[in-house]
């Protein structure tokens, strides 16, 4: 669900008609399906490294390195633990 929160944040904070997003895991494409049709129409999933935004989620330890993916513009936390970073390229 953190991916959905990240996608919703992007949609609320970027007024572009079309927004490209990527992640290292295909789950981001499934999370887009639970958004409204209007929201889905603005998002395009592209291969990692090609999107304006990269969703970095922290599912395992040690955390993967997301260096070079952009700068963090938003983060989601659960019980004080970072679970998602929205990176902008």
PDB file of N, CA and C in Angstrom:
ATOM      1  N   UNK A   1       0.813  -1.206   0.000  1.00  0.00           N
ATOM      2  CA  UNK A   1       0.000   0.000   0.000  1.00  0.00           C
ATOM      3  C   UNK A   1       0.854   1.266   0.000  1.00  0.00           C
ATOM      4  N   UNK A   2       2.111   1.165   0.413  1.00  0.00           N
ATOM      5  CA  UNK A   2       2.940   2.369   0.403  1.00  0.00           C
ATOM      6  C   UNK A   2       3.122   2.887  -1.017  1.00  0.00           C
ATOM      7  N   UNK A   3       3.149   2.003  -2.001  1.00  0.00           N
ATOM      8  CA  UNK A   3       3.261   2.445  -3.398  1.00  0.00           C
ATOM      9  C   UNK A   3       2.067   3.292  -3.785  1.00  0.00           C
ATOM     10  N   UNK A   4       0.894   2.889  -3.351  1.00  0.00           N
ATOM     11  CA  UNK A   4      -0.300   3.685  -3.656  1.00  0.00           C
ATOM     12  C   UNK A   4      -0.184   5.067  -3.025  1.00  0.00           C
ATOM     13  N   UNK A   5       0.281   5.128  -1.794  1.00  0.00           N
ATOM     14  CA  UNK A   5       0.444   6.422  -1.128  1.00  0.00           C
ATOM     15  C   UNK A   5       1.442   7.292  -1.890  1.00  0.00           C
ATOM     16  N   UNK A   6       2.515   6.686  -2.364  1.00  0.00           N
ATOM     17  CA  UNK A   6       3.497   7.428  -3.145  1.00  0.00           C
ATOM     18  C   UNK A   6       2.917   7.934  -4.449  1.00  0.00           C
ATOM     19  N   UNK A   7       2.165   7.101  -5.129  1.00  0.00           N
ATOM     20  CA  UNK A   7       1.526   7.503  -6.387  1.00  0.00           C
ATOM     21  C   UNK A   7       0.531   8.635  -6.152  1.00  0.00           C
ATOM     22  N   UNK A   8      -0.246   8.539  -5.082  1.00  0.00           N
ATOM     23  CA  UNK A   8      -1.206   9.593  -4.769  1.00  0.00           C
ATOM     24  C   UNK A   8      -0.493  10.900  -4.452  1.00  0.00           C
ATOM     25  N   UNK A   9       0.652  10.817  -3.766  1.00  0.00           N
ATOM     26  CA  UNK A   9       1.420  12.023  -3.473  1.00  0.00           C
ATOM     27  C   UNK A   9       1.916  12.660  -4.773  1.00  0.00           C
ATOM     28  N   UNK A  10       2.437  11.848  -5.668  1.00  0.00           N
ATOM     29  CA  UNK A  10       2.917  12.359  -6.955  1.00  0.00           C
ATOM     30  C   UNK A  10       1.787  13.062  -7.696  1.00  0.00           C
ATOM     31  N   UNK A  11       0.639  12.421  -7.784  1.00  0.00           N
ATOM     32  CA  UNK A  11      -0.501  13.006  -8.492  1.00  0.00           C
ATOM     33  C   UNK A  11      -0.944  14.325  -7.866  1.00  0.00           C
ATOM     34  N   UNK A  12      -0.893  14.425  -6.561  1.00  0.00           N
ATOM     35  CA  UNK A  12      -1.314  15.636  -5.867  1.00  0.00           C
ATOM     36  C   UNK A  12      -0.293  16.768  -5.991  1.00  0.00           C
ATOM     37  N   UNK A  13       0.968  16.424  -6.255  1.00  0.00           N
ATOM     38  CA  UNK A  13       2.028  17.432  -6.235  1.00  0.00           C
ATOM     39  C   UNK A  13       2.672  17.708  -7.586  1.00  0.00           C
ATOM     40  N   UNK A  14       2.226  17.037  -8.624  1.00  0.00           N
ATOM     41  CA  UNK A  14       2.745  17.267  -9.974  1.00  0.00           C
ATOM     42  C   UNK A  14       1.539  17.491 -10.884  1.00  0.00           C
ATOM     43  N   UNK A  15       1.469  18.658 -11.478  1.00  0.00           N
ATOM     44  CA  UNK A  15       0.298  19.003 -12.293  1.00  0.00           C
ATOM     45  C   UNK A  15       0.429  18.587 -13.757  1.00  0.00           C
ATOM     46  N   UNK A  16       1.482  17.862 -14.103  1.00  0.00           N
ATOM     47  CA  UNK A  16       1.674  17.417 -15.488  1.00  0.00           C
ATOM     48  C   UNK A  16       0.510  16.538 -15.938  1.00  0.00           C
ATOM     49  N   UNK A  17       0.164  16.642 -17.200  1.00  0.00           N
ATOM     50  CA  UNK A  17      -0.921  15.821 -17.753  1.00  0.00           C
ATOM     51  C   UNK A  17      -0.535  14.347 -17.756  1.00  0.00           C
ATOM     52  N   UNK A  18       0.735  14.055 -18.050  1.00  0.00           N
ATOM     53  CA  UNK A  18       1.251  12.691 -18.051  1.00  0.00           C
ATOM     54  C   UNK A  18       2.502  12.647 -17.187  1.00  0.00           C
ATOM     55  N   UNK A  19       2.554  11.660 -16.299  1.00  0.00           N
ATOM     56  CA  UNK A  19       3.668  11.521 -15.369  1.00  0.00           C
ATOM     57  C   UNK A  19       4.251  10.124 -15.516  1.00  0.00           C
ATOM     58  N   UNK A  20       5.559  10.034 -15.745  1.00  0.00           N
ATOM     59  CA  UNK A  20       6.201   8.731 -15.861  1.00  0.00           C
ATOM     60  C   UNK A  20       6.785   8.325 -14.513  1.00  0.00           C
ATOM     61  N   UNK A  21       6.522   7.067 -14.141  1.00  0.00           N
ATOM     62  CA  UNK A  21       7.018   6.522 -12.879  1.00  0.00           C
ATOM     63  C   UNK A  21       7.667   5.168 -13.126  1.00  0.00           C
ATOM     64  N   UNK A  22       8.615   4.839 -12.262  1.00  0.00           N
ATOM     65  CA  UNK A  22       9.247   3.533 -12.348  1.00  0.00           C
ATOM     66  C   UNK A  22       9.564   3.031 -10.950  1.00  0.00           C
ATOM     67  N   UNK A  23       9.892   1.748 -10.871  1.00  0.00           N
ATOM     68  CA  UNK A  23      10.289   1.105  -9.623  1.00  0.00           C
ATOM     69  C   UNK A  23      11.061  -0.154  -9.987  1.00  0.00           C
ATOM     70  N   UNK A  24      11.761  -0.700  -9.023  1.00  0.00           N
ATOM     71  CA  UNK A  24      12.506  -1.942  -9.265  1.00  0.00           C
ATOM     72  C   UNK A  24      11.629  -3.177  -9.188  1.00  0.00           C
ATOM     73  N   UNK A  25      10.369  -3.005  -8.875  1.00  0.00           N
ATOM     74  CA  UNK A  25       9.463  -4.137  -8.693  1.00  0.00           C
ATOM     75  C   UNK A  25       8.171  -3.855  -9.450  1.00  0.00           C
ATOM     76  N   UNK A  26       7.596  -4.825 -10.128  1.00  0.00           N
ATOM     77  CA  UNK A  26       6.386  -4.580 -10.920  1.00  0.00           C
ATOM     78  C   UNK A  26       5.138  -4.267 -10.103  1.00  0.00           C
ATOM     79  N   UNK A  27       5.206  -4.348  -8.792  1.00  0.00           N
ATOM     80  CA  UNK A  27       4.031  -4.088  -7.965  1.00  0.00           C
ATOM     81  C   UNK A  27       3.487  -2.676  -8.179  1.00  0.00           C
ATOM     82  N   UNK A  28       4.316  -1.751  -8.605  1.00  0.00           N
ATOM     83  CA  UNK A  28       3.834  -0.392  -8.835  1.00  0.00           C
ATOM     84  C   UNK A  28       2.737  -0.377  -9.903  1.00  0.00           C
ATOM     85  N   UNK A  29       2.860  -1.196 -10.925  1.00  0.00           N
ATOM     86  CA  UNK A  29       1.835  -1.259 -11.975  1.00  0.00           C
ATOM     87  C   UNK A  29       0.504  -1.760 -11.421  1.00  0.00           C
ATOM     88  N   UNK A  30       0.546  -2.676 -10.469  1.00  0.00           N
ATOM     89  CA  UNK A  30      -0.688  -3.183  -9.863  1.00  0.00           C
ATOM     90  C   UNK A  30      -1.333  -2.132  -8.973  1.00  0.00           C
ATOM     91  N   UNK A  31      -0.525  -1.337  -8.291  1.00  0.00           N
ATOM     92  CA  UNK A  31      -1.070  -0.290  -7.428  1.00  0.00           C
ATOM     93  C   UNK A  31      -1.762   0.794  -8.233  1.00  0.00           C
ATOM     94  N   UNK A  32      -1.319   1.024  -9.452  1.00  0.00           N
ATOM     95  CA  UNK A  32      -1.992   2.006 -10.298  1.00  0.00           C
ATOM     96  C   UNK A  32      -3.431   1.566 -10.579  1.00  0.00           C
ATOM     97  N   UNK A  33      -3.656   0.265 -10.654  1.00  0.00           N
ATOM     98  CA  UNK A  33      -4.998  -0.247 -10.960  1.00  0.00           C
ATOM     99  C   UNK A  33      -6.031   0.084  -9.888  1.00  0.00           C
ATOM    100  N   UNK A  34      -5.603   0.369  -8.664  1.00  0.00           N
ATOM    101  CA  UNK A  34      -6.568   0.678  -7.609  1.00  0.00           C
ATOM    102  C   UNK A  34      -6.849   2.179  -7.493  1.00  0.00           C
ATOM    103  N   UNK A  35      -6.239   2.971  -8.367  1.00  0.00           N
ATOM    104  CA  UNK A  35      -6.522   4.400  -8.415  1.00  0.00           C
ATOM    105  C   UNK A  35      -7.734   4.648  -9.299  1.00  0.00           C
ATOM    106  N   UNK A  36      -8.257   5.855  -9.241  1.00  0.00           N
ATOM    107  CA  UNK A  36      -9.403   6.195 -10.088  1.00  0.00           C
ATOM    108  C   UNK A  36      -8.970   6.232 -11.557  1.00  0.00           C
ATOM    109  N   UNK A  37      -9.925   6.128 -12.452  1.00  0.00           N
ATOM    110  CA  UNK A  37      -9.636   6.156 -13.886  1.00  0.00           C
ATOM    111  C   UNK A  37      -8.940   7.459 -14.266  1.00  0.00           C
ATOM    112  N   UNK A  38      -9.351   8.563 -13.698  1.00  0.00           N
ATOM    113  CA  UNK A  38      -8.731   9.862 -13.971  1.00  0.00           C
ATOM    114  C   UNK A  38      -7.263   9.876 -13.531  1.00  0.00           C
ATOM    115  N   UNK A  39      -6.985   9.299 -12.368  1.00  0.00           N
ATOM    116  CA  UNK A  39      -5.607   9.227 -11.877  1.00  0.00           C
ATOM    117  C   UNK A  39      -4.763   8.297 -12.755  1.00  0.00           C
ATOM    118  N   UNK A  40      -5.319   7.134 -13.084  1.00  0.00           N
ATOM    119  CA  UNK A  40      -4.598   6.161 -13.923  1.00  0.00           C
ATOM    120  C   UNK A  40      -4.214   6.755 -15.276  1.00  0.00           C
ATOM    121  N   UNK A  41      -5.074   7.603 -15.828  1.00  0.00           N
ATOM    122  CA  UNK A  41      -4.826   8.190 -17.142  1.00  0.00           C
ATOM    123  C   UNK A  41      -3.595   9.095 -17.150  1.00  0.00           C
ATOM    124  N   UNK A  42      -3.205   9.610 -15.998  1.00  0.00           N
ATOM    125  CA  UNK A  42      -2.042  10.514 -15.926  1.00  0.00           C
ATOM    126  C   UNK A  42      -0.729   9.785 -15.705  1.00  0.00           C
ATOM    127  N   UNK A  43      -0.770   8.516 -15.288  1.00  0.00           N
ATOM    128  CA  UNK A  43       0.446   7.788 -14.928  1.00  0.00           C
ATOM    129  C   UNK A  43       0.852   6.788 -16.006  1.00  0.00           C
ATOM    130  N   UNK A  44       2.141   6.754 -16.294  1.00  0.00           N
ATOM    131  CA  UNK A  44       2.697   5.791 -17.237  1.00  0.00           C
ATOM    132  C   UNK A  44       3.871   5.121 -16.548  1.00  0.00           C
ATOM    133  N   UNK A  45       3.844   3.784 -16.461  1.00  0.00           N
ATOM    134  CA  UNK A  45       4.948   3.032 -15.867  1.00  0.00           C
ATOM    135  C   UNK A  45       5.993   2.781 -16.943  1.00  0.00           C
ATOM    136  N   UNK A  46       7.231   3.122 -16.621  1.00  0.00           N
ATOM    137  CA  UNK A  46       8.351   2.939 -17.547  1.00  0.00           C
ATOM    138  C   UNK A  46       9.424   2.106 -16.849  1.00  0.00           C
ATOM    139  N   UNK A  47      10.399   1.576 -17.596  1.00  0.00           N
ATOM    140  CA  UNK A  47      11.467   0.786 -16.978  1.00  0.00           C
ATOM    141  C   UNK A  47      12.269   1.613 -15.966  1.00  0.00           C
ATOM    142  N   UNK A  48      12.840   0.955 -14.959  1.00  0.00           N
ATOM    143  CA  UNK A  48      13.658   1.665 -13.962  1.00  0.00           C
ATOM    144  C   UNK A  48      14.720   2.531 -14.631  1.00  0.00           C
ATOM    145  N   UNK A  49      14.854   3.736 -14.115  1.00  0.00           N
ATOM    146  CA  UNK A  49      15.844   4.661 -14.647  1.00  0.00           C
ATOM    147  C   UNK A  49      15.321   5.577 -15.728  1.00  0.00           C
ATOM    148  N   UNK A  50      14.098   5.341 -16.187  1.00  0.00           N
ATOM    149  CA  UNK A  50      13.557   6.154 -17.276  1.00  0.00           C
ATOM    150  C   UNK A  50      12.465   7.122 -16.843  1.00  0.00           C
ATOM    151  N   UNK A  51      11.907   6.966 -15.671  1.00  0.00           N
ATOM    152  CA  UNK A  51      10.790   7.797 -15.265  1.00  0.00           C
ATOM    153  C   UNK A  51      11.203   9.107 -14.632  1.00  0.00           C
ATOM    154  N   UNK A  52      10.256  10.031 -14.591  1.00  0.00           N
ATOM    155  CA  UNK A  52      10.458  11.272 -13.858  1.00  0.00           C
ATOM    156  C   UNK A  52      10.533  10.974 -12.369  1.00  0.00           C
ATOM    157  N   UNK A  53       9.744   9.982 -11.933  1.00  0.00           N
ATOM    158  CA  UNK A  53       9.738   9.585 -10.524  1.00  0.00           C
ATOM    159  C   UNK A  53      10.121   8.114 -10.399  1.00  0.00           C
ATOM    160  N   UNK A  54      10.801   7.807  -9.317  1.00  0.00           N
ATOM    161  CA  UNK A  54      11.166   6.427  -8.984  1.00  0.00           C
ATOM    162  C   UNK A  54      10.649   6.133  -7.590  1.00  0.00           C
ATOM    163  N   UNK A  55       9.900   5.047  -7.441  1.00  0.00           N
ATOM    164  CA  UNK A  55       9.398   4.636  -6.138  1.00  0.00           C
ATOM    165  C   UNK A  55      10.355   3.613  -5.537  1.00  0.00           C
ATOM    166  N   UNK A  56      10.956   3.991  -4.434  1.00  0.00           N
ATOM    167  CA  UNK A  56      11.910   3.129  -3.737  1.00  0.00           C
ATOM    168  C   UNK A  56      11.236   2.610  -2.473  1.00  0.00           C
ATOM    169  N   UNK A  57      11.045   1.301  -2.409  1.00  0.00           N
ATOM    170  CA  UNK A  57      10.428   0.769  -1.204  1.00  0.00           C
ATOM    171  C   UNK A  57      11.366  -0.207  -0.526  1.00  0.00           C
ATOM    172  N   UNK A  58      11.207  -0.276   0.772  1.00  0.00           N
ATOM    173  CA  UNK A  58      12.171  -0.959   1.623  1.00  0.00           C
ATOM    174  C   UNK A  58      11.540  -2.217   2.203  1.00  0.00           C
ATOM    175  N   UNK A  59      11.608  -3.306   1.432  1.00  0.00           N
ATOM    176  CA  UNK A  59      10.949  -4.558   1.806  1.00  0.00           C
ATOM    177  C   UNK A  59      11.871  -5.539   2.504  1.00  0.00           C
ATOM    178  N   UNK A  60      13.174  -5.361   2.365  1.00  0.00           N
ATOM    179  CA  UNK A  60      14.093  -6.352   2.909  1.00  0.00           C
ATOM    180  C   UNK A  60      15.299  -5.663   3.543  1.00  0.00           C
ATOM    181  N   UNK A  61      16.010  -6.390   4.325  1.00  0.00           N
ATOM    182  CA  UNK A  61      17.218  -5.893   4.966  1.00  0.00           C
ATOM    183  C   UNK A  61      18.397  -6.694   4.443  1.00  0.00           C
ATOM    184  N   UNK A  62      19.514  -6.143   4.090  1.00  0.00           N
ATOM    185  CA  UNK A  62      19.744  -4.690   4.129  1.00  0.00           C
ATOM    186  C   UNK A  62      19.015  -3.997   2.986  1.00  0.00           C
ATOM    187  N   UNK A  63      18.713  -2.732   3.192  1.00  0.00           N
ATOM    188  CA  UNK A  63      18.004  -1.976   2.176  1.00  0.00           C
ATOM    189  C   UNK A  63      18.854  -1.859   0.919  1.00  0.00           C
ATOM    190  N   UNK A  64      18.222  -1.934  -0.226  1.00  0.00           N
ATOM    191  CA  UNK A  64      18.972  -1.754  -1.474  1.00  0.00           C
ATOM    192  C   UNK A  64      19.440  -0.306  -1.596  1.00  0.00           C
ATOM    193  N   UNK A  65      20.455  -0.082  -2.376  1.00  0.00           N
ATOM    194  CA  UNK A  65      20.943   1.269  -2.622  1.00  0.00           C
ATOM    195  C   UNK A  65      20.145   1.892  -3.757  1.00  0.00           C
ATOM    196  N   UNK A  66      19.615   3.060  -3.500  1.00  0.00           N
ATOM    197  CA  UNK A  66      18.885   3.786  -4.538  1.00  0.00           C
ATOM    198  C   UNK A  66      19.670   5.008  -4.994  1.00  0.00           C
ATOM    199  N   UNK A  67      20.972   4.971  -4.765  1.00  0.00           N
ATOM    200  CA  UNK A  67      21.841   6.064  -5.179  1.00  0.00           C
ATOM    201  C   UNK A  67      21.766   6.236  -6.690  1.00  0.00           C
ATOM    202  N   UNK A  68      21.682   7.468  -7.121  1.00  0.00           N
ATOM    203  CA  UNK A  68      21.618   7.764  -8.545  1.00  0.00           C
ATOM    204  C   UNK A  68      20.225   7.703  -9.137  1.00  0.00           C
ATOM    205  N   UNK A  69      19.221   7.396  -8.330  1.00  0.00           N
ATOM    206  CA  UNK A  69      17.839   7.307  -8.836  1.00  0.00           C
ATOM    207  C   UNK A  69      17.131   8.652  -8.805  1.00  0.00           C
ATOM    208  N   UNK A  70      17.759   9.668  -8.236  1.00  0.00           N
ATOM    209  CA  UNK A  70      17.141  10.980  -8.096  1.00  0.00           C
ATOM    210  C   UNK A  70      17.250  11.444  -6.663  1.00  0.00           C
ATOM    211  N   UNK A  71      16.551  12.503  -6.347  1.00  0.00           N
ATOM    212  CA  UNK A  71      16.564  12.984  -4.974  1.00  0.00           C
ATOM    213  C   UNK A  71      15.204  12.727  -4.338  1.00  0.00           C
ATOM    214  N   UNK A  72      15.232  12.471  -3.047  1.00  0.00           N
ATOM    215  CA  UNK A  72      13.995  12.151  -2.329  1.00  0.00           C
ATOM    216  C   UNK A  72      13.160  13.414  -2.166  1.00  0.00           C
ATOM    217  N   UNK A  73      11.917  13.358  -2.642  1.00  0.00           N
ATOM    218  CA  UNK A  73      10.997  14.487  -2.513  1.00  0.00           C
ATOM    219  C   UNK A  73       9.861  14.180  -1.546  1.00  0.00           C
ATOM    220  N   UNK A  74       9.725  12.912  -1.178  1.00  0.00           N
ATOM    221  CA  UNK A  74       8.663  12.505  -0.250  1.00  0.00           C
ATOM    222  C   UNK A  74       9.013  11.141   0.327  1.00  0.00           C
ATOM    223  N   UNK A  75       8.573  10.885   1.547  1.00  0.00           N
ATOM    224  CA  UNK A  75       8.774   9.571   2.167  1.00  0.00           C
ATOM    225  C   UNK A  75       7.529   9.195   2.954  1.00  0.00           C
ATOM    226  N   UNK A  76       7.262   7.913   3.026  1.00  0.00           N
ATOM    227  CA  UNK A  76       6.174   7.360   3.841  1.00  0.00           C
ATOM    228  C   UNK A  76       6.807   6.556   4.965  1.00  0.00           C
ATOM    229  N   UNK A  77       6.217   6.649   6.145  1.00  0.00           N
ATOM    230  CA  UNK A  77       6.718   5.948   7.325  1.00  0.00           C
ATOM    231  C   UNK A  77       5.600   5.125   7.953  1.00  0.00           C
ATOM    232  N   UNK A  78       5.982   4.052   8.594  1.00  0.00           N
ATOM    233  CA  UNK A  78       5.064   3.238   9.381  1.00  0.00           C
ATOM    234  C   UNK A  78       5.748   2.934  10.708  1.00  0.00           C
ATOM    235  N   UNK A  79       5.140   3.348  11.792  1.00  0.00           N
ATOM    236  CA  UNK A  79       5.719   3.163  13.128  1.00  0.00           C
ATOM    237  C   UNK A  79       7.150   3.686  13.206  1.00  0.00           C
ATOM    238  N   UNK A  80       7.412   4.819  12.566  1.00  0.00           N
ATOM    239  CA  UNK A  80       8.722   5.437  12.606  1.00  0.00           C
ATOM    240  C   UNK A  80       9.758   4.838  11.672  1.00  0.00           C
ATOM    241  N   UNK A  81       9.377   3.856  10.859  1.00  0.00           N
ATOM    242  CA  UNK A  81      10.299   3.200   9.937  1.00  0.00           C
ATOM    243  C   UNK A  81       9.948   3.634   8.509  1.00  0.00           C
ATOM    244  N   UNK A  82      10.952   4.080   7.770  1.00  0.00           N
ATOM    245  CA  UNK A  82      10.703   4.499   6.383  1.00  0.00           C
ATOM    246  C   UNK A  82      10.342   3.259   5.549  1.00  0.00           C
ATOM    247  N   UNK A  83       9.221   3.355   4.840  1.00  0.00           N
ATOM    248  CA  UNK A  83       8.788   2.230   4.012  1.00  0.00           C
ATOM    249  C   UNK A  83       8.766   2.573   2.517  1.00  0.00           C
ATOM    250  N   UNK A  84       8.867   3.861   2.186  1.00  0.00           N
ATOM    251  CA  UNK A  84       8.834   4.261   0.781  1.00  0.00           C
ATOM    252  C   UNK A  84       9.491   5.615   0.614  1.00  0.00           C
ATOM    253  N   UNK A  85      10.249   5.760  -0.452  1.00  0.00           N
ATOM    254  CA  UNK A  85      10.777   7.061  -0.866  1.00  0.00           C
ATOM    255  C   UNK A  85      10.275   7.343  -2.270  1.00  0.00           C
ATOM    256  N   UNK A  86       9.835   8.563  -2.488  1.00  0.00           N
ATOM    257  CA  UNK A  86       9.523   9.027  -3.833  1.00  0.00           C
ATOM    258  C   UNK A  86      10.723   9.847  -4.273  1.00  0.00           C
ATOM    259  N   UNK A  87      11.396   9.346  -5.310  1.00  0.00           N
ATOM    260  CA  UNK A  87      12.585  10.001  -5.825  1.00  0.00           C
ATOM    261  C   UNK A  87      12.228  10.712  -7.133  1.00  0.00           C
ATOM    262  N   UNK A  88      12.743  11.922  -7.313  1.00  0.00           N
ATOM    263  CA  UNK A  88      12.503  12.642  -8.559  1.00  0.00           C
ATOM    264  C   UNK A  88      13.818  12.776  -9.305  1.00  0.00           C
ATOM    265  N   UNK A  89      13.768  12.492 -10.582  1.00  0.00           N
ATOM    266  CA  UNK A  89      14.965  12.580 -11.430  1.00  0.00           C
ATOM    267  C   UNK A  89      15.062  13.959 -12.030  1.00  0.00           C
TER     268      UNK A  89
END
